[in-house]
PDB file of all heavy atoms in Angstrom:
ATOM      1  N   LYS A   1      82.963  88.278  91.530  1.00  0.00           N
ATOM      2  CA  LYS A   1      83.148  89.690  91.235  1.00  0.00           C
ATOM      3  C   LYS A   1      84.602  90.072  91.401  1.00  0.00           C
ATOM      4  O   LYS A   1      85.248  89.655  92.330  1.00  0.00           O
ATOM      5  CB  LYS A   1      82.316  90.504  92.217  1.00  0.00           C
ATOM      6  CG  LYS A   1      81.293  91.342  91.546  1.00  0.00           C
ATOM      7  CD  LYS A   1      80.551  92.073  92.610  1.00  0.00           C
ATOM      8  CE  LYS A   1      79.776  93.200  92.023  1.00  0.00           C
ATOM      9  NZ  LYS A   1      79.088  93.914  93.054  1.00  0.00           N
ATOM     10  N   ILE A   2      85.106  90.875  90.519  1.00  0.00           N
ATOM     11  CA  ILE A   2      86.485  91.323  90.634  1.00  0.00           C
ATOM     12  C   ILE A   2      86.497  92.752  91.139  1.00  0.00           C
ATOM     13  O   ILE A   2      85.833  93.602  90.608  1.00  0.00           O
ATOM     14  CB  ILE A   2      87.210  91.228  89.282  1.00  0.00           C
ATOM     15  CG1 ILE A   2      87.280  89.762  88.830  1.00  0.00           C
ATOM     16  CG2 ILE A   2      88.599  91.811  89.370  1.00  0.00           C
ATOM     17  CD1 ILE A   2      87.960  89.577  87.515  1.00  0.00           C
ATOM     18  N   ALA A   3      87.260  92.967  92.192  1.00  0.00           N
ATOM     19  CA  ALA A   3      87.330  94.312  92.774  1.00  0.00           C
ATOM     20  C   ALA A   3      88.762  94.804  92.687  1.00  0.00           C
ATOM     21  O   ALA A   3      89.710  94.042  92.784  1.00  0.00           O
ATOM     22  CB  ALA A   3      86.861  94.290  94.223  1.00  0.00           C
ATOM     23  N   SER A   4      88.910  96.105  92.544  1.00  0.00           N
ATOM     24  CA  SER A   4      90.263  96.643  92.483  1.00  0.00           C
ATOM     25  C   SER A   4      90.801  96.858  93.866  1.00  0.00           C
ATOM     26  O   SER A   4      90.085  96.939  94.817  1.00  0.00           O
ATOM     27  CB  SER A   4      90.256  97.970  91.725  1.00  0.00           C
ATOM     28  OG  SER A   4      89.480  98.900  92.410  1.00  0.00           O
ATOM     29  N   ALA A   5      92.182  96.931  93.987  1.00  0.00           N
ATOM     30  CA  ALA A   5      92.782  97.259  95.248  1.00  0.00           C
ATOM     31  C   ALA A   5      94.264  97.466  95.201  1.00  0.00           C
ATOM     32  O   ALA A   5      94.758  98.056  94.294  1.00  0.00           O
ATOM     33  CB  ALA A   5      92.388  96.236  96.271  1.00  0.00           C
ATOM     34  N   PRO A   6      95.077  96.937  96.215  1.00  0.00           N
ATOM     35  CA  PRO A   6      96.408  97.371  96.473  1.00  0.00           C
ATOM     36  C   PRO A   6      97.315  97.530  95.282  1.00  0.00           C
ATOM     37  O   PRO A   6      97.383  96.700  94.435  1.00  0.00           O
ATOM     38  CB  PRO A   6      96.970  96.311  97.392  1.00  0.00           C
ATOM     39  CG  PRO A   6      95.772  95.747  98.012  1.00  0.00           C
ATOM     40  CD  PRO A   6      94.681  95.877  97.008  1.00  0.00           C
ATOM     41  N   ILE A   7      98.101  98.588  95.339  1.00  0.00           N
ATOM     42  CA  ILE A   7      99.066  98.831  94.286  1.00  0.00           C
ATOM     43  C   ILE A   7     100.445  98.983  94.919  1.00  0.00           C
ATOM     44  O   ILE A   7     100.640  99.823  95.768  1.00  0.00           O
ATOM     45  CB  ILE A   7      98.699 100.080  93.490  1.00  0.00           C
ATOM     46  CG1 ILE A   7      97.350  99.872  92.865  1.00  0.00           C
ATOM     47  CG2 ILE A   7      99.757 100.376  92.455  1.00  0.00           C
ATOM     48  CD1 ILE A   7      96.851 101.070  92.129  1.00  0.00           C
ATOM     49  N   LEU A   8     101.396  98.165  94.533  1.00  0.00           N
ATOM     50  CA  LEU A   8     102.757  98.257  95.069  1.00  0.00           C
ATOM     51  C   LEU A   8     103.557  99.285  94.286  1.00  0.00           C
ATOM     52  O   LEU A   8     103.558  99.265  93.066  1.00  0.00           O
ATOM     53  CB  LEU A   8     103.467  96.906  94.933  1.00  0.00           C
ATOM     54  CG  LEU A   8     103.184  95.874  96.013  1.00  0.00           C
ATOM     55  CD1 LEU A   8     103.889  94.594  95.655  1.00  0.00           C
ATOM     56  CD2 LEU A   8     103.645  96.362  97.356  1.00  0.00           C
ATOM     57  N   ALA A   9     104.276 100.145  94.993  1.00  0.00           N
ATOM     58  CA  ALA A   9     105.117 101.145  94.337  1.00  0.00           C
ATOM     59  C   ALA A   9     106.514 100.589  94.134  1.00  0.00           C
ATOM     60  O   ALA A   9     107.508 101.189  94.506  1.00  0.00           O
ATOM     61  CB  ALA A   9     105.174 102.413  95.170  1.00  0.00           C
ATOM     62  N   ILE A  10     106.583  99.361  93.539  1.00  0.00           N
ATOM     63  CA  ILE A  10     107.863  98.731  93.244  1.00  0.00           C
ATOM     64  C   ILE A  10     107.741  98.007  91.928  1.00  0.00           C
ATOM     65  O   ILE A  10     106.681  97.972  91.321  1.00  0.00           O
ATOM     66  CB  ILE A  10     108.251  97.732  94.368  1.00  0.00           C
ATOM     67  CG1 ILE A  10     107.075  96.777  94.635  1.00  0.00           C
ATOM     68  CG2 ILE A  10     108.606  98.444  95.634  1.00  0.00           C
ATOM     69  CD1 ILE A  10     107.384  95.755  95.696  1.00  0.00           C
ATOM     70  N   ALA A  11     108.853  97.388  91.468  1.00  0.00           N
ATOM     71  CA  ALA A  11     108.852  96.805  90.136  1.00  0.00           C
ATOM     72  C   ALA A  11     107.889  95.649  90.000  1.00  0.00           C
ATOM     73  O   ALA A  11     107.224  95.494  88.994  1.00  0.00           O
ATOM     74  CB  ALA A  11     110.261  96.332  89.778  1.00  0.00           C
ATOM     75  N   MET A  12     107.781  94.771  91.023  1.00  0.00           N
ATOM     76  CA  MET A  12     106.853  93.658  90.914  1.00  0.00           C
ATOM     77  C   MET A  12     105.445  94.138  91.181  1.00  0.00           C
ATOM     78  O   MET A  12     105.228  95.179  91.760  1.00  0.00           O
ATOM     79  CB  MET A  12     107.226  92.549  91.912  1.00  0.00           C
ATOM     80  CG  MET A  12     106.968  92.918  93.367  1.00  0.00           C
ATOM     81  SD  MET A  12     107.049  91.518  94.472  1.00  0.00           S
ATOM     82  CE  MET A  12     105.531  90.686  94.086  1.00  0.00           C
ATOM     83  N   SER A  13     104.461  93.382  90.709  1.00  0.00           N
ATOM     84  CA  SER A  13     103.068  93.687  90.987  1.00  0.00           C
ATOM     85  C   SER A  13     102.289  92.409  90.966  1.00  0.00           C
ATOM     86  O   SER A  13     102.804  91.353  90.672  1.00  0.00           O
ATOM     87  CB  SER A  13     102.506  94.685  89.989  1.00  0.00           C
ATOM     88  OG  SER A  13     102.726  94.252  88.688  1.00  0.00           O
ATOM     89  N   PHE A  14     100.983  92.479  91.322  1.00  0.00           N
ATOM     90  CA  PHE A  14     100.196  91.286  91.521  1.00  0.00           C
ATOM     91  C   PHE A  14      98.734  91.623  91.386  1.00  0.00           C
ATOM     92  O   PHE A  14      98.361  92.754  91.197  1.00  0.00           O
ATOM     93  CB  PHE A  14     100.476  90.693  92.912  1.00  0.00           C
ATOM     94  CG  PHE A  14     100.490  91.744  93.959  1.00  0.00           C
ATOM     95  CD1 PHE A  14      99.337  92.125  94.578  1.00  0.00           C
ATOM     96  CD2 PHE A  14     101.670  92.396  94.285  1.00  0.00           C
ATOM     97  CE1 PHE A  14      99.352  93.124  95.522  1.00  0.00           C
ATOM     98  CE2 PHE A  14     101.668  93.394  95.227  1.00  0.00           C
ATOM     99  CZ  PHE A  14     100.519  93.757  95.846  1.00  0.00           C
ATOM    100  N   ALA A  15      97.858  90.604  91.546  1.00  0.00           N
ATOM    101  CA  ALA A  15      96.420  90.836  91.419  1.00  0.00           C
ATOM    102  C   ALA A  15      95.701  90.159  92.553  1.00  0.00           C
ATOM    103  O   ALA A  15      95.989  89.039  92.895  1.00  0.00           O
ATOM    104  CB  ALA A  15      95.906  90.289  90.093  1.00  0.00           C
ATOM    105  N   VAL A  16      94.754  90.845  93.163  1.00  0.00           N
ATOM    106  CA  VAL A  16      93.906  90.270  94.186  1.00  0.00           C
ATOM    107  C   VAL A  16      92.477  90.526  93.790  1.00  0.00           C
ATOM    108  O   VAL A  16      92.128  91.637  93.442  1.00  0.00           O
ATOM    109  CB  VAL A  16      94.174  90.895  95.559  1.00  0.00           C
ATOM    110  CG1 VAL A  16      93.151  90.421  96.552  1.00  0.00           C
ATOM    111  CG2 VAL A  16      95.558  90.542  96.046  1.00  0.00           C
ATOM    112  N   LEU A  17      91.644  89.500  93.850  1.00  0.00           N
ATOM    113  CA  LEU A  17      90.259  89.629  93.452  1.00  0.00           C
ATOM    114  C   LEU A  17      89.359  89.551  94.665  1.00  0.00           C
ATOM    115  O   LEU A  17      89.743  89.076  95.711  1.00  0.00           O
ATOM    116  CB  LEU A  17      89.879  88.516  92.465  1.00  0.00           C
ATOM    117  CG  LEU A  17      90.648  88.512  91.139  1.00  0.00           C
ATOM    118  CD1 LEU A  17      91.938  87.731  91.283  1.00  0.00           C
ATOM    119  CD2 LEU A  17      89.813  87.898  90.052  1.00  0.00           C
ATOM    120  N   ALA A  18      88.114  89.966  94.474  1.00  0.00           N
ATOM    121  CA  ALA A  18      87.092  89.871  95.509  1.00  0.00           C
ATOM    122  C   ALA A  18      87.495  90.611  96.769  1.00  0.00           C
ATOM    123  O   ALA A  18      87.610  90.040  97.835  1.00  0.00           O
ATOM    124  CB  ALA A  18      86.790  88.419  95.835  1.00  0.00           C
ATOM    125  N   GLY A  19      87.693  91.877  96.659  1.00  0.00           N
ATOM    126  CA  GLY A  19      87.917  92.692  97.839  1.00  0.00           C
ATOM    127  C   GLY A  19      89.360  93.026  98.096  1.00  0.00           C
ATOM    128  O   GLY A  19      89.714  93.480  99.159  1.00  0.00           O
ATOM    129  N   GLY A  20      90.257  92.796  97.165  1.00  0.00           N
ATOM    130  CA  GLY A  20      91.652  93.098  97.386  1.00  0.00           C
ATOM    131  C   GLY A  20      92.184  94.025  96.333  1.00  0.00           C
ATOM    132  O   GLY A  20      91.557  94.983  95.972  1.00  0.00           O
ATOM    133  N   LEU A  21      93.351  93.703  95.791  1.00  0.00           N
ATOM    134  CA  LEU A  21      93.963  94.627  94.864  1.00  0.00           C
ATOM    135  C   LEU A  21      94.047  94.064  93.466  1.00  0.00           C
ATOM    136  O   LEU A  21      94.006  92.882  93.255  1.00  0.00           O
ATOM    137  CB  LEU A  21      95.362  94.975  95.326  1.00  0.00           C
ATOM    138  CG  LEU A  21      96.271  93.784  95.541  1.00  0.00           C
ATOM    139  CD1 LEU A  21      97.409  93.859  94.555  1.00  0.00           C
ATOM    140  CD2 LEU A  21      96.803  93.785  96.934  1.00  0.00           C
ATOM    141  N   THR A  22      94.241  94.951  92.530  1.00  0.00           N
ATOM    142  CA  THR A  22      94.421  94.525  91.153  1.00  0.00           C
ATOM    143  C   THR A  22      95.596  95.262  90.551  1.00  0.00           C
ATOM    144  O   THR A  22      95.599  96.468  90.514  1.00  0.00           O
ATOM    145  CB  THR A  22      93.172  94.830  90.318  1.00  0.00           C
ATOM    146  OG1 THR A  22      92.076  94.152  90.887  1.00  0.00           O
ATOM    147  CG2 THR A  22      93.352  94.377  88.888  1.00  0.00           C
ATOM    148  N   VAL A  23      96.595  94.514  90.115  1.00  0.00           N
ATOM    149  CA  VAL A  23      97.758  95.112  89.496  1.00  0.00           C
ATOM    150  C   VAL A  23      98.295  94.128  88.472  1.00  0.00           C
ATOM    151  O   VAL A  23      98.247  92.937  88.683  1.00  0.00           O
ATOM    152  CB  VAL A  23      98.863  95.382  90.546  1.00  0.00           C
ATOM    153  CG1 VAL A  23     100.019  96.123  89.921  1.00  0.00           C
ATOM    154  CG2 VAL A  23      98.306  96.169  91.701  1.00  0.00           C
ATOM    155  N   SER A  24      98.809  94.621  87.339  1.00  0.00           N
ATOM    156  CA  SER A  24      99.441  93.724  86.378  1.00  0.00           C
ATOM    157  C   SER A  24     100.775  93.276  86.934  1.00  0.00           C
ATOM    158  O   SER A  24     101.440  94.028  87.636  1.00  0.00           O
ATOM    159  CB  SER A  24      99.652  94.445  85.053  1.00  0.00           C
ATOM    160  OG  SER A  24     100.508  95.550  85.228  1.00  0.00           O
TER     161      SER A  24
END
């Protein structure tokens, strides 16, 4: 399952699945 989460307020971003964050 993919769950949404942390969003960084900076230029880089990332993705965390299963209980974390989702960001392009």
